[in-house]
Amino acid sequence: MTELNSHELTEQIIGSAIGVHNTLGPRPVYVVYRDVPIESPFKVDLVVEESVLVEVKAVQAFAPVHHAQVISYLKLTGCPVGLLINFNVTLLKNGIRRVVRPDLYKRSPISPVSPV
């Protein structure tokens, strides 16, 4: 398998999520592993190729806590990018947010202030 960059990988994940959403429609999503429901305060829904974290929701609308949760998971796992996907929307593209780990943001250099 060829190595994909994070942009290509997130595009493939989004395409797969849209396929699931088109088939099943808006609905709650439950996380189950080997026929056992997963319940834990720290529960990453999915990590793809050790580089993209996927957090699945089925909520009326994203709240700031959802974004904060993904950022926390990115920091804990070391993944550079995450997808926050809300399946409880009519059009899935309106329920997808791409989140980059904060320490990877490109910051512009700050010019030193000269003393007066």
N, C-alpha and C. Protein backbone atom coordinates (compact mmCIF):
# COMPACT_ATOMS: atom_id res chain seq x y z
N MET A 1 0.84 -1.18 0.00
CA MET A 1 0.00 0.00 0.00
C MET A 1 0.88 1.24 0.00
N THR A 2 0.54 2.21 -0.81
CA THR A 2 1.33 3.43 -0.84
C THR A 2 0.96 4.32 0.32
N GLU A 3 1.96 5.09 0.76
CA GLU A 3 1.72 5.99 1.89
C GLU A 3 1.00 7.23 1.39
N LEU A 4 -0.08 7.59 2.04
CA LEU A 4 -0.85 8.77 1.67
C LEU A 4 -0.52 9.91 2.61
N ASN A 5 -0.56 11.14 2.10
CA ASN A 5 -0.39 12.26 3.01
C ASN A 5 -1.71 12.46 3.76
N SER A 6 -1.67 13.26 4.81
CA SER A 6 -2.86 13.39 5.66
C SER A 6 -4.05 13.97 4.90
N HIS A 7 -3.80 14.84 3.92
CA HIS A 7 -4.91 15.41 3.15
C HIS A 7 -5.61 14.33 2.32
N GLU A 8 -4.83 13.50 1.62
CA GLU A 8 -5.41 12.42 0.81
C GLU A 8 -6.15 11.43 1.69
N LEU A 9 -5.56 11.12 2.85
CA LEU A 9 -6.16 10.16 3.77
C LEU A 9 -7.48 10.69 4.33
N THR A 10 -7.50 11.97 4.73
CA THR A 10 -8.76 12.52 5.25
C THR A 10 -9.82 12.57 4.16
N GLU A 11 -9.42 12.83 2.92
CA GLU A 11 -10.38 12.83 1.81
C GLU A 11 -11.00 11.44 1.63
N GLN A 12 -10.19 10.38 1.74
CA GLN A 12 -10.71 9.02 1.61
C GLN A 12 -11.65 8.68 2.77
N ILE A 13 -11.29 9.11 3.97
CA ILE A 13 -12.13 8.84 5.14
C ILE A 13 -13.47 9.56 4.98
N ILE A 14 -13.42 10.83 4.54
CA ILE A 14 -14.65 11.59 4.34
C ILE A 14 -15.52 10.91 3.28
N GLY A 15 -14.91 10.45 2.21
CA GLY A 15 -15.66 9.75 1.17
C GLY A 15 -16.35 8.50 1.70
N SER A 16 -15.64 7.76 2.55
CA SER A 16 -16.24 6.56 3.15
C SER A 16 -17.38 6.94 4.09
N ALA A 17 -17.19 8.00 4.87
CA ALA A 17 -18.24 8.44 5.79
C ALA A 17 -19.48 8.87 5.02
N ILE A 18 -19.29 9.56 3.90
CA ILE A 18 -20.43 9.98 3.08
C ILE A 18 -21.16 8.76 2.53
N GLY A 19 -20.42 7.73 2.13
CA GLY A 19 -21.05 6.50 1.65
C GLY A 19 -21.91 5.85 2.72
N VAL A 20 -21.40 5.79 3.94
CA VAL A 20 -22.18 5.22 5.06
C VAL A 20 -23.41 6.07 5.31
N HIS A 21 -23.24 7.39 5.32
CA HIS A 21 -24.34 8.29 5.60
C HIS A 21 -25.41 8.20 4.51
N ASN A 22 -24.99 8.10 3.25
CA ASN A 22 -25.96 7.97 2.16
C ASN A 22 -26.76 6.67 2.27
N THR A 23 -26.11 5.62 2.76
CA THR A 23 -26.79 4.34 2.91
C THR A 23 -27.72 4.30 4.11
N LEU A 24 -27.25 4.79 5.26
CA LEU A 24 -28.01 4.68 6.50
C LEU A 24 -28.83 5.91 6.84
N GLY A 25 -28.43 7.07 6.34
CA GLY A 25 -29.13 8.31 6.67
C GLY A 25 -28.74 8.82 8.04
N PRO A 26 -29.30 9.99 8.44
CA PRO A 26 -28.98 10.55 9.76
C PRO A 26 -29.45 9.62 10.87
N ARG A 27 -28.58 9.34 11.81
CA ARG A 27 -28.94 8.46 12.93
C ARG A 27 -27.83 8.47 13.96
N PRO A 28 -28.15 8.02 15.18
CA PRO A 28 -27.10 7.87 16.19
C PRO A 28 -26.10 6.80 15.75
N VAL A 29 -24.87 6.98 16.17
CA VAL A 29 -23.81 6.03 15.85
C VAL A 29 -23.26 5.47 17.16
N TYR A 30 -23.18 4.17 17.25
CA TYR A 30 -22.67 3.53 18.45
C TYR A 30 -21.33 2.89 18.14
N VAL A 31 -20.39 3.00 19.07
CA VAL A 31 -19.08 2.41 18.88
C VAL A 31 -19.07 1.04 19.52
N VAL A 32 -18.79 0.04 18.70
CA VAL A 32 -18.77 -1.35 19.16
C VAL A 32 -17.49 -2.00 18.64
N TYR A 33 -16.79 -2.72 19.51
CA TYR A 33 -15.59 -3.43 19.11
C TYR A 33 -15.76 -4.89 19.47
N ARG A 34 -15.70 -5.76 18.47
CA ARG A 34 -15.88 -7.20 18.66
C ARG A 34 -17.16 -7.50 19.44
N ASP A 35 -18.24 -6.91 19.00
CA ASP A 35 -19.58 -7.09 19.58
C ASP A 35 -19.72 -6.58 21.01
N VAL A 36 -18.79 -5.74 21.47
CA VAL A 36 -18.87 -5.19 22.82
C VAL A 36 -18.95 -3.66 22.71
N PRO A 37 -20.03 -3.05 23.25
CA PRO A 37 -20.11 -1.59 23.25
C PRO A 37 -18.95 -1.00 24.06
N ILE A 38 -18.35 0.05 23.55
CA ILE A 38 -17.22 0.69 24.21
C ILE A 38 -17.72 1.89 25.01
N GLU A 39 -17.42 1.89 26.28
CA GLU A 39 -17.76 3.03 27.14
C GLU A 39 -16.55 3.33 28.00
N SER A 40 -16.02 4.54 27.86
CA SER A 40 -14.84 4.95 28.60
C SER A 40 -14.74 6.46 28.53
N PRO A 41 -14.16 7.11 29.56
CA PRO A 41 -14.02 8.56 29.47
C PRO A 41 -13.03 8.95 28.36
N PHE A 42 -12.04 8.11 28.07
CA PHE A 42 -11.10 8.36 26.97
C PHE A 42 -11.33 7.28 25.94
N LYS A 43 -12.03 7.64 24.89
CA LYS A 43 -12.39 6.65 23.88
C LYS A 43 -12.24 7.30 22.51
N VAL A 44 -11.14 7.02 21.86
CA VAL A 44 -10.96 7.49 20.49
C VAL A 44 -11.77 6.55 19.61
N ASP A 45 -12.63 7.11 18.77
CA ASP A 45 -13.47 6.26 17.93
C ASP A 45 -12.66 5.49 16.90
N LEU A 46 -11.70 6.16 16.27
CA LEU A 46 -10.96 5.50 15.20
C LEU A 46 -9.66 6.25 14.94
N VAL A 47 -8.59 5.50 14.71
CA VAL A 47 -7.33 6.09 14.25
C VAL A 47 -6.96 5.35 12.96
N VAL A 48 -6.73 6.13 11.90
CA VAL A 48 -6.43 5.55 10.59
C VAL A 48 -4.96 5.76 10.28
N GLU A 49 -4.27 4.66 9.97
CA GLU A 49 -2.86 4.65 9.61
C GLU A 49 -1.99 5.44 10.59
N GLU A 50 -2.35 5.38 11.85
CA GLU A 50 -1.61 6.04 12.92
C GLU A 50 -1.37 7.52 12.68
N SER A 51 -2.24 8.15 11.86
CA SER A 51 -2.02 9.57 11.58
C SER A 51 -3.28 10.42 11.56
N VAL A 52 -4.45 9.81 11.39
CA VAL A 52 -5.70 10.58 11.36
C VAL A 52 -6.65 10.02 12.40
N LEU A 53 -7.01 10.87 13.34
CA LEU A 53 -7.97 10.50 14.39
C LEU A 53 -9.37 10.85 13.88
N VAL A 54 -10.31 9.95 14.06
CA VAL A 54 -11.69 10.20 13.64
C VAL A 54 -12.60 10.10 14.86
N GLU A 55 -13.30 11.18 15.14
CA GLU A 55 -14.25 11.22 16.25
C GLU A 55 -15.65 11.33 15.67
N VAL A 56 -16.48 10.35 15.95
CA VAL A 56 -17.82 10.26 15.37
C VAL A 56 -18.85 10.74 16.39
N LYS A 57 -19.75 11.59 15.93
CA LYS A 57 -20.84 12.10 16.77
C LYS A 57 -22.17 11.93 16.05
N ALA A 58 -23.24 12.00 16.81
CA ALA A 58 -24.60 12.07 16.28
C ALA A 58 -25.35 13.05 17.18
N VAL A 59 -25.08 14.34 16.96
CA VAL A 59 -25.61 15.39 17.82
C VAL A 59 -26.35 16.42 16.97
N GLN A 60 -27.18 17.23 17.63
CA GLN A 60 -27.92 18.27 16.93
C GLN A 60 -26.97 19.24 16.23
N ALA A 61 -25.92 19.65 16.95
CA ALA A 61 -24.91 20.57 16.41
C ALA A 61 -23.64 20.39 17.23
N PHE A 62 -22.50 20.68 16.61
CA PHE A 62 -21.24 20.63 17.34
C PHE A 62 -21.23 21.71 18.41
N ALA A 63 -20.66 21.38 19.55
CA ALA A 63 -20.46 22.33 20.63
C ALA A 63 -18.95 22.51 20.81
N PRO A 64 -18.53 23.59 21.45
CA PRO A 64 -17.10 23.79 21.66
C PRO A 64 -16.41 22.60 22.35
N VAL A 65 -17.15 21.89 23.20
CA VAL A 65 -16.57 20.74 23.90
C VAL A 65 -16.16 19.64 22.92
N HIS A 66 -16.86 19.51 21.80
CA HIS A 66 -16.51 18.48 20.82
C HIS A 66 -15.17 18.79 20.17
N HIS A 67 -14.96 20.04 19.82
CA HIS A 67 -13.69 20.48 19.24
C HIS A 67 -12.56 20.29 20.27
N ALA A 68 -12.82 20.68 21.52
CA ALA A 68 -11.82 20.52 22.58
C ALA A 68 -11.48 19.05 22.80
N GLN A 69 -12.47 18.19 22.70
CA GLN A 69 -12.25 16.75 22.86
C GLN A 69 -11.29 16.23 21.78
N VAL A 70 -11.51 16.63 20.54
CA VAL A 70 -10.64 16.18 19.45
C VAL A 70 -9.22 16.71 19.66
N ILE A 71 -9.09 17.96 20.06
CA ILE A 71 -7.75 18.50 20.31
C ILE A 71 -7.05 17.72 21.42
N SER A 72 -7.77 17.40 22.49
CA SER A 72 -7.18 16.60 23.58
C SER A 72 -6.74 15.23 23.07
N TYR A 73 -7.57 14.58 22.27
CA TYR A 73 -7.22 13.27 21.73
C TYR A 73 -6.03 13.36 20.79
N LEU A 74 -5.95 14.44 20.00
CA LEU A 74 -4.79 14.62 19.11
C LEU A 74 -3.50 14.74 19.93
N LYS A 75 -3.56 15.51 21.00
CA LYS A 75 -2.38 15.68 21.85
C LYS A 75 -1.99 14.36 22.51
N LEU A 76 -2.98 13.60 22.98
CA LEU A 76 -2.69 12.34 23.67
C LEU A 76 -2.19 11.25 22.73
N THR A 77 -2.70 11.22 21.51
CA THR A 77 -2.30 10.17 20.57
C THR A 77 -1.10 10.56 19.72
N GLY A 78 -0.85 11.86 19.58
CA GLY A 78 0.24 12.31 18.71
C GLY A 78 -0.17 12.41 17.25
N CYS A 79 -1.43 12.12 16.94
CA CYS A 79 -1.89 12.25 15.55
C CYS A 79 -1.85 13.73 15.15
N PRO A 80 -1.44 14.02 13.91
CA PRO A 80 -1.36 15.42 13.49
C PRO A 80 -2.70 16.04 13.12
N VAL A 81 -3.67 15.21 12.71
CA VAL A 81 -4.94 15.76 12.24
C VAL A 81 -6.09 14.85 12.67
N GLY A 82 -7.25 15.48 12.86
CA GLY A 82 -8.43 14.71 13.24
C GLY A 82 -9.63 15.15 12.42
N LEU A 83 -10.58 14.25 12.29
CA LEU A 83 -11.85 14.57 11.66
C LEU A 83 -12.95 14.41 12.70
N LEU A 84 -13.75 15.43 12.85
CA LEU A 84 -14.92 15.40 13.72
C LEU A 84 -16.11 15.26 12.79
N ILE A 85 -16.80 14.12 12.86
CA ILE A 85 -17.88 13.82 11.92
C ILE A 85 -19.19 13.65 12.67
N ASN A 86 -20.19 14.46 12.29
CA ASN A 86 -21.52 14.38 12.87
C ASN A 86 -22.46 13.70 11.88
N PHE A 87 -22.92 12.50 12.21
CA PHE A 87 -23.81 11.76 11.32
C PHE A 87 -25.27 12.19 11.46
N ASN A 88 -25.57 13.09 12.38
CA ASN A 88 -26.95 13.51 12.58
C ASN A 88 -27.25 14.80 11.80
N VAL A 89 -26.89 14.80 10.52
CA VAL A 89 -27.15 15.93 9.63
C VAL A 89 -27.74 15.39 8.34
N THR A 90 -28.47 16.24 7.63
CA THR A 90 -29.07 15.82 6.37
C THR A 90 -28.01 15.63 5.29
N LEU A 91 -27.08 16.58 5.18
CA LEU A 91 -26.00 16.51 4.21
C LEU A 91 -24.69 16.38 4.97
N LEU A 92 -24.02 15.25 4.83
CA LEU A 92 -22.86 14.96 5.69
C LEU A 92 -21.75 15.98 5.57
N LYS A 93 -21.54 16.57 4.41
CA LYS A 93 -20.45 17.54 4.29
C LYS A 93 -20.64 18.71 5.25
N ASN A 94 -21.87 18.96 5.69
CA ASN A 94 -22.12 20.01 6.67
C ASN A 94 -21.81 19.56 8.10
N GLY A 95 -21.50 18.29 8.26
CA GLY A 95 -21.22 17.76 9.60
C GLY A 95 -19.79 17.27 9.75
N ILE A 96 -18.87 17.80 8.95
CA ILE A 96 -17.48 17.37 9.02
C ILE A 96 -16.59 18.56 9.33
N ARG A 97 -15.73 18.40 10.33
CA ARG A 97 -14.75 19.42 10.68
C ARG A 97 -13.37 18.76 10.71
N ARG A 98 -12.40 19.38 10.07
CA ARG A 98 -11.01 18.92 10.09
C ARG A 98 -10.29 19.73 11.15
N VAL A 99 -9.60 19.05 12.07
CA VAL A 99 -8.93 19.70 13.19
C VAL A 99 -7.45 19.34 13.15
N VAL A 100 -6.59 20.36 13.18
CA VAL A 100 -5.15 20.15 13.19
C VAL A 100 -4.65 20.32 14.62
N ARG A 101 -3.73 19.45 15.03
CA ARG A 101 -3.16 19.54 16.38
C ARG A 101 -2.53 20.93 16.56
N PRO A 102 -2.87 21.65 17.63
CA PRO A 102 -2.46 23.04 17.79
C PRO A 102 -0.97 23.31 17.67
N ASP A 103 -0.13 22.40 18.13
CA ASP A 103 1.31 22.67 18.06
C ASP A 103 1.84 22.58 16.63
N LEU A 104 0.99 22.19 15.68
CA LEU A 104 1.40 22.11 14.28
C LEU A 104 0.92 23.31 13.47
N TYR A 105 0.17 24.22 14.11
CA TYR A 105 -0.28 25.42 13.39
C TYR A 105 0.94 26.17 12.91
N LYS A 106 0.84 26.72 11.71
CA LYS A 106 1.93 27.55 11.21
C LYS A 106 1.73 28.94 11.76
N ARG A 107 2.72 29.39 12.49
CA ARG A 107 2.64 30.72 13.07
C ARG A 107 3.57 31.65 12.32
N SER A 108 3.13 32.87 12.12
CA SER A 108 4.02 33.83 11.48
C SER A 108 5.01 34.32 12.51
N PRO A 109 6.24 34.54 12.09
CA PRO A 109 7.24 35.02 13.04
C PRO A 109 6.85 36.39 13.56
N ILE A 110 7.08 36.61 14.83
CA ILE A 110 6.74 37.88 15.45
C ILE A 110 7.99 38.76 15.43
N SER A 111 7.83 39.94 14.91
CA SER A 111 8.95 40.87 14.87
C SER A 111 9.22 41.39 16.27
N PRO A 112 10.48 41.42 16.66
CA PRO A 112 10.78 41.98 17.99
C PRO A 112 10.43 43.46 18.03
N VAL A 113 9.95 43.87 19.19
CA VAL A 113 9.61 45.28 19.37
C VAL A 113 10.86 45.99 19.84
N SER A 114 11.21 47.07 19.15
CA SER A 114 12.42 47.80 19.55
C SER A 114 12.08 48.70 20.74
N PRO A 115 12.99 48.77 21.69
CA PRO A 115 12.73 49.61 22.87
C PRO A 115 12.65 51.09 22.47
N VAL A 116 11.86 51.81 23.21
CA VAL A 116 11.67 53.25 22.93
C VAL A 116 12.72 54.04 23.66
